[in-house]
Protein backbone atom coordinates (compact mmCIF):
# COMPACT_ATOMS: atom_id res chain seq x y z
CA MET A 1 -27.41 -18.69 220.26
CA THR A 2 -27.83 -16.12 217.53
CA THR A 3 -28.04 -16.86 213.84
CA THR A 4 -24.53 -15.49 213.35
CA ALA A 5 -23.16 -17.84 216.03
CA LEU A 6 -24.85 -20.84 214.42
CA LEU A 7 -23.51 -19.94 210.98
CA LEU A 8 -20.01 -19.53 212.41
CA ALA A 9 -20.25 -22.92 214.15
CA ALA A 10 -21.26 -24.54 210.86
CA ALA A 11 -18.42 -22.75 209.05
CA ASP A 12 -16.00 -23.94 211.74
CA LEU A 13 -17.00 -27.57 211.27
CA VAL A 14 -16.68 -27.30 207.49
CA ALA A 15 -13.25 -25.66 207.77
CA ALA A 16 -12.05 -28.21 210.34
CA VAL A 17 -13.13 -31.14 208.18
CA LEU A 18 -11.50 -29.56 205.11
CA LEU A 19 -8.28 -28.92 207.03
CA SER A 20 -8.21 -32.51 208.31
CA ALA A 21 -8.92 -33.87 204.82
CA VAL A 22 -6.02 -31.87 203.36
CA TYR A 23 -3.70 -33.14 206.08
CA PHE A 24 -4.75 -36.79 205.74
CA GLN A 25 -4.51 -36.75 201.96
CA ARG A 26 -0.91 -35.53 202.18
CA HIS A 27 0.43 -37.17 205.36
CA ARG A 28 -1.84 -40.18 206.09
CA ARG A 29 -1.95 -40.09 209.90
CA ARG A 30 -5.45 -40.96 211.06
CA ASP A 31 -4.73 -40.35 214.74
CA LEU A 32 -3.88 -36.70 214.14
CA VAL A 33 -7.05 -36.19 212.13
CA VAL A 34 -8.99 -37.20 215.25
CA ALA A 35 -6.83 -34.86 217.34
CA PHE A 36 -7.35 -31.90 215.00
CA LEU A 37 -11.12 -32.33 214.96
CA GLY A 38 -11.31 -32.89 218.70
CA VAL A 39 -9.17 -29.85 219.51
CA ASN A 40 -11.12 -27.68 217.10
CA VAL A 41 -14.56 -28.61 218.42
CA GLY A 42 -13.36 -28.39 222.02
CA VAL A 43 -11.97 -24.91 221.55
CA LEU A 44 -15.15 -23.87 219.72
CA ALA A 45 -17.31 -25.08 222.61
CA VAL A 46 -15.19 -23.45 225.33
CA ALA A 47 -14.90 -20.17 223.41
CA THR A 48 -18.67 -20.14 222.91
CA VAL A 49 -19.26 -20.57 226.65
CA LEU A 50 -16.73 -17.85 227.47
CA GLY A 51 -18.37 -15.56 224.95
CA THR A 52 -21.79 -15.89 226.55
CA ALA A 53 -20.51 -15.54 230.12
CA GLU A 54 -19.46 -12.36 231.90
CA VAL A 55 -15.73 -12.87 231.51
CA ALA A 56 -12.97 -10.73 230.09
CA LEU A 57 -11.63 -11.33 226.61
CA GLY A 58 -8.18 -11.79 228.12
CA LEU A 59 -9.34 -15.03 229.74
CA GLY A 60 -10.26 -16.43 226.34
CA LEU A 61 -6.91 -15.45 224.89
CA GLY A 62 -5.20 -16.97 227.93
CA LEU A 63 -7.06 -20.21 227.29
CA PHE A 64 -5.84 -20.17 223.70
CA GLY A 65 -2.27 -19.73 224.95
CA VAL A 66 -2.57 -22.63 227.39
CA LEU A 67 -4.06 -24.95 224.81
CA SER A 68 -1.44 -24.00 222.22
CA ILE A 69 1.45 -25.27 224.36
CA ILE A 70 -0.09 -28.68 225.08
CA ARG A 71 2.02 -31.47 223.63
CA LEU A 72 1.08 -35.12 223.56
CA ARG A 73 4.02 -37.17 224.84
CA SER A 74 2.90 -40.40 223.17
CA SER A 75 4.52 -39.56 219.83
CA GLU A 76 6.61 -36.81 218.29
CA ILE A 77 4.94 -34.48 215.83
CA THR A 78 6.57 -32.48 213.05
CA GLN A 79 6.50 -28.74 212.54
CA ARG A 80 3.90 -29.21 209.80
CA GLU A 81 1.61 -30.99 212.25
CA VAL A 82 2.17 -28.22 214.80
CA ALA A 83 0.95 -25.78 212.14
CA TYR A 84 -2.22 -27.84 211.66
CA TYR A 85 -2.73 -27.87 215.44
CA PHE A 86 -2.47 -24.08 215.58
CA ALA A 87 -4.84 -23.76 212.64
CA ALA A 88 -7.43 -25.98 214.33
CA LEU A 89 -7.09 -23.96 217.56
CA ALA A 90 -7.36 -20.63 215.77
CA ILE A 91 -10.40 -21.64 213.70
CA GLY A 92 -12.24 -22.87 216.78
CA LEU A 93 -11.42 -19.73 218.75
CA ILE A 94 -12.37 -17.36 215.92
CA CYS A 95 -15.71 -19.06 215.34
CA GLY A 96 -16.45 -19.51 219.05
CA LEU A 97 -16.03 -15.93 220.23
CA PRO A 98 -18.97 -13.56 219.75
CA HIS A 99 -18.97 -11.39 216.62
CA THR A 100 -21.27 -8.62 215.44
CA ASP A 101 -20.69 -9.33 211.75
CA LEU A 102 -20.29 -12.58 209.84
CA LEU A 103 -17.90 -11.57 207.06
CA THR A 104 -14.73 -10.90 209.06
CA PRO A 105 -14.49 -14.26 210.89
CA LEU A 106 -15.36 -16.17 207.72
CA LEU A 107 -12.60 -14.37 205.83
CA LEU A 108 -10.12 -15.15 208.61
CA VAL A 109 -11.08 -18.84 208.66
CA GLY A 110 -10.83 -19.03 204.88
CA LEU A 111 -7.42 -17.35 205.02
CA ILE A 112 -6.10 -19.89 207.55
CA VAL A 113 -7.27 -22.86 205.49
CA ALA A 114 -6.01 -21.37 202.22
CA VAL A 115 -2.56 -20.63 203.65
CA LEU A 116 -2.12 -24.21 204.85
CA VAL A 117 -3.44 -25.66 201.59
CA VAL A 118 -0.89 -23.65 199.59
CA ALA A 119 2.06 -23.67 202.01
CA ASP A 120 1.89 -27.44 202.59
CA HIS A 121 1.46 -28.30 198.90
CA PRO A 122 3.98 -30.96 197.76
CA ARG A 123 5.20 -28.74 194.92
CA VAL A 124 6.14 -25.83 197.19
CA LEU A 125 9.91 -26.02 197.84
CA SER A 126 9.74 -29.63 196.68
CA ARG A 127 13.51 -29.98 196.25
CA SER A 128 14.38 -28.92 199.80
CA ARG A 129 15.17 -31.74 202.24
CA HIS A 130 16.18 -32.11 205.88
CA GLN A 131 17.88 -35.11 207.45
CA VAL A 132 19.93 -36.04 210.50
CA VAL A 133 22.86 -38.10 209.18
CA HIS A 134 25.06 -40.36 211.32
CA LEU A 135 28.36 -40.90 209.51
CA ASP A 136 30.63 -43.83 210.31
CA ARG A 137 33.74 -41.65 210.53
CA ALA A 138 34.73 -38.43 212.24
CA ILE A 139 35.06 -35.46 209.87
CA PRO A 140 36.11 -32.30 211.75
CA ASP A 141 36.67 -30.25 208.58
CA GLU A 142 33.44 -28.59 207.47
CA THR A 143 34.39 -28.43 203.79
CA ALA A 144 35.23 -32.14 203.67
CA LEU A 145 32.03 -32.88 205.59
CA ARG A 146 29.96 -30.88 203.13
CA THR A 147 31.56 -32.70 200.19
CA GLU A 148 30.90 -36.10 201.75
CA LEU A 149 27.26 -35.24 202.51
CA GLU A 150 26.66 -34.01 198.98
CA ARG A 151 28.12 -37.26 197.64
CA LEU A 152 25.94 -39.39 199.92
CA LEU A 153 22.71 -37.43 199.57
CA GLY A 154 23.04 -36.57 195.89
CA GLY A 155 22.22 -32.91 196.38
CA GLU A 156 23.56 -29.47 197.23
CA VAL A 157 24.02 -28.90 200.96
CA THR A 158 22.55 -25.53 201.94
CA GLY A 159 23.19 -25.75 205.67
CA LEU A 160 24.65 -28.14 208.22
CA THR A 161 25.08 -28.29 211.98
CA VAL A 162 27.38 -30.82 213.60
CA GLN A 163 25.53 -32.21 216.60
CA GLN A 164 28.20 -34.64 217.74
CA LEU A 165 31.79 -35.28 216.70
CA ASP A 166 33.09 -38.48 218.34
CA LEU A 167 36.83 -38.89 217.78
CA VAL A 168 36.93 -42.03 219.94
CA ASP A 169 34.30 -44.06 218.09
CA ASP A 170 35.09 -42.24 214.83
CA THR A 171 31.52 -41.02 214.08
CA THR A 172 29.84 -37.74 213.15
CA LEU A 173 26.22 -36.80 213.79
CA VAL A 174 25.12 -33.88 211.65
CA ASP A 175 21.85 -32.07 210.98
CA VAL A 176 21.83 -31.22 207.28
CA ARG A 177 19.62 -29.15 205.01
CA TYR A 178 20.07 -29.80 201.31
CA ARG A 179 18.45 -29.38 197.93
CA VAL A 180 18.17 -32.35 195.60
CA ARG A 181 19.40 -31.92 192.07
CA ALA A 182 17.02 -31.79 189.15
CA ALA A 183 16.49 -35.10 187.37
CA ALA A 184 19.18 -35.63 184.78
CA ALA A 185 18.26 -36.49 181.22
CA PRO A 186 18.59 -40.23 180.48
CA THR A 187 21.83 -41.13 178.81
CA ALA A 188 22.18 -43.56 175.92
CA ARG A 189 22.97 -47.12 176.88
CA PRO A 190 26.38 -48.46 175.84
CA ALA A 191 24.69 -51.24 173.88
CA ASP A 192 22.73 -48.66 171.92
CA ASP A 193 25.88 -46.69 171.18
CA ALA A 194 27.72 -49.80 169.98
CA ARG A 195 24.78 -50.90 167.85
CA ALA A 196 24.40 -47.44 166.34
CA ASP A 197 27.98 -47.63 165.05
CA THR A 198 27.58 -50.91 163.14
CA PRO A 199 27.54 -51.00 159.29
CA ALA A 200 23.91 -52.17 159.27
CA ALA A 201 22.94 -49.24 161.43
CA ARG A 202 24.78 -46.81 159.21
CA ARG A 203 23.06 -48.25 156.12
CA SER A 204 19.71 -48.00 157.88
CA ASP A 205 20.32 -44.37 158.79
CA GLU A 206 21.35 -43.62 155.23
CA ASP A 207 18.11 -45.18 153.97
CA GLY A 208 16.15 -42.99 156.38
CA THR A 209 14.49 -45.90 158.17
CA GLY A 210 16.53 -45.69 161.38
CA ILE A 211 17.46 -48.50 163.73
CA ALA A 212 14.49 -47.74 165.99
CA PHE A 213 12.16 -49.29 163.39
CA ALA A 214 13.76 -52.73 163.84
CA ASP A 215 13.40 -52.36 167.59
CA LEU A 216 9.74 -51.39 167.16
CA ILE A 217 8.77 -54.46 165.16
CA GLY A 218 10.94 -56.79 167.21
CA GLY A 219 13.58 -57.30 164.58
CA ALA A 220 17.06 -58.69 165.08
CA ARG A 221 19.30 -56.74 167.45
């Protein structure tokens, strides 16, 4: 192997570990960390062998296509985890294929990792939610259904798809996308309002001391 190939292999391992660390810190699934690293190193090894053999580049791309459609039937994975799978595959393939220069593949690997770090950040589109809701009554009217979902979920429904409307069992299964409302400012407690209207409170406010001082020192309420 050339020096460039060794440097790319080292960069691949660093990127794969960083990608897995970002995923685990945000989603906490140890089994998929093992899968990401295993897929990445496996693709790197196979791409390296294909790059040193007398084979066409199309065979390597075909291998990437075959590996990309593999799905483990033991458990369902989310679209975010699919993105991490593709990233692990792409990084291994980029670093495994032969290159004449070192800068281009390193920039591509860095771009893949940076995009996932930013796109999967908890603060990006943090108010958007997705749920499949099973209601205990049939609601054929979309406007009434939207109103009921917004009441239950406490947010603004941005899209909904009725998956099942059962008029016999009186149920509705709906796939809903919604945006949670911003946190409302805390309101004054009724006890505070009543206490603030007492003669003692009014005298305290007139003196400039304020009723909060008595609360601070543990005075009588």
